[in-house]
Amino acid sequence: MNILKFAATAALVIFCAQSFAAKPTSIVFESNAATTDGIAYANYIVKCSNGKRADLTAWNNRGKWCVGDASSTACEKKQIKAAKNACKAS
């Protein structure tokens, strides 16, 4: 019986910790830019539920979203996934 109570408590703690994780509340366009090679990209600002802000860059006509500046390698195909990752990192 104690093992069952422990497992239920552990699952509840894990679930609560995930619900308090920072989440994106808004994504706002900031500017268009280009690399030194002439590759165009767009800068976005993500506001997170913990009050912090993070940068996103959109590449390939918004087909690739990266956390951080132009040199970032943490990229996703979907804007919301990149925004969630940006909030987790901040």
Protein backbone atom coordinates (compact mmCIF):
# COMPACT_ATOMS: atom_id res chain seq x y z
CA MET A 1 0.00 0.00 0.00
CA ASN A 2 2.87 2.39 0.79
CA ILE A 3 4.37 1.80 -2.65
CA LEU A 4 1.06 2.80 -4.26
CA LYS A 5 0.89 6.00 -2.19
CA PHE A 6 4.50 6.82 -3.05
CA ALA A 7 3.90 6.26 -6.77
CA ALA A 8 0.76 8.43 -6.74
CA THR A 9 2.58 11.21 -4.87
CA ALA A 10 5.53 11.08 -7.26
CA ALA A 11 3.22 11.27 -10.29
CA LEU A 12 1.40 14.25 -8.77
CA VAL A 13 4.66 16.10 -8.08
CA ILE A 14 5.91 15.50 -11.62
CA PHE A 15 2.60 16.69 -13.09
CA CYS A 16 2.60 19.84 -10.95
CA ALA A 17 6.20 20.67 -11.86
CA GLN A 18 5.35 20.49 -15.55
CA SER A 19 2.36 22.79 -15.14
CA PHE A 20 4.58 25.49 -13.58
CA ALA A 21 7.09 25.44 -16.44
CA ALA A 22 7.39 28.69 -18.38
CA LYS A 23 5.14 28.82 -21.43
CA PRO A 24 5.01 31.31 -24.30
CA THR A 25 2.32 33.98 -23.88
CA SER A 26 2.99 35.98 -27.05
CA ILE A 27 5.21 35.95 -30.12
CA VAL A 28 5.84 39.33 -31.73
CA PHE A 29 7.61 40.14 -35.00
CA GLU A 30 10.62 42.41 -34.46
CA SER A 31 12.50 42.81 -37.78
CA ASN A 32 13.74 41.31 -41.01
CA ALA A 33 17.47 40.75 -41.45
CA ALA A 34 20.01 38.95 -43.61
CA THR A 35 23.25 37.11 -42.96
CA THR A 36 26.54 38.23 -44.48
CA ASP A 37 25.89 35.61 -47.18
CA GLY A 38 22.60 37.33 -48.05
CA ILE A 39 20.29 34.70 -46.54
CA ALA A 40 17.11 36.39 -45.29
CA TYR A 41 15.57 35.66 -41.89
CA ALA A 42 13.16 37.32 -39.46
CA ASN A 43 13.56 38.12 -35.76
CA TYR A 44 10.76 37.50 -33.27
CA ILE A 45 10.45 38.10 -29.53
CA VAL A 46 8.76 35.49 -27.34
CA LYS A 47 7.25 36.62 -24.03
CA CYS A 48 7.10 33.81 -21.47
CA SER A 49 4.74 33.22 -18.54
CA ASN A 50 7.66 33.64 -16.11
CA GLY A 51 8.11 37.26 -17.27
CA LYS A 52 11.24 36.63 -19.33
CA ARG A 53 11.73 37.29 -23.03
CA ALA A 54 13.53 35.14 -25.60
CA ASP A 55 14.62 35.57 -29.21
CA LEU A 56 13.44 33.44 -32.13
CA THR A 57 14.65 33.57 -35.71
CA ALA A 58 12.60 32.34 -38.67
CA TRP A 59 14.38 30.90 -41.71
CA ASN A 60 13.34 29.50 -45.10
CA ASN A 61 10.27 31.73 -45.36
CA ARG A 62 9.16 30.78 -41.82
CA GLY A 63 9.67 27.08 -42.46
CA LYS A 64 12.40 26.73 -39.83
CA TRP A 65 12.28 28.37 -36.37
CA CYS A 66 15.42 28.66 -34.24
CA VAL A 67 15.88 29.68 -30.62
CA GLY A 68 18.29 32.57 -30.25
CA ASP A 69 20.17 34.57 -32.83
CA ALA A 70 21.28 33.80 -36.37
CA SER A 71 23.98 31.35 -35.25
CA SER A 72 21.59 29.09 -33.31
CA THR A 73 21.32 25.38 -34.01
CA ALA A 74 18.29 24.68 -31.75
CA CYS A 75 15.63 24.68 -34.47
CA GLU A 76 12.10 23.34 -34.99
CA LYS A 77 9.69 23.17 -37.92
CA LYS A 78 6.86 24.68 -35.89
CA GLN A 79 6.85 28.13 -34.33
CA ILE A 80 5.12 27.03 -31.12
CA LYS A 81 7.63 24.25 -30.45
CA ALA A 82 10.53 26.68 -30.86
CA ALA A 83 8.76 29.19 -28.59
CA LYS A 84 8.24 26.55 -25.90
CA ASN A 85 11.91 25.59 -26.11
CA ALA A 86 12.89 29.26 -25.87
CA CYS A 87 10.85 29.67 -22.69
CA LYS A 88 12.31 26.51 -21.18
CA ALA A 89 15.83 27.80 -21.87
CA SER A 90 15.17 31.21 -20.34
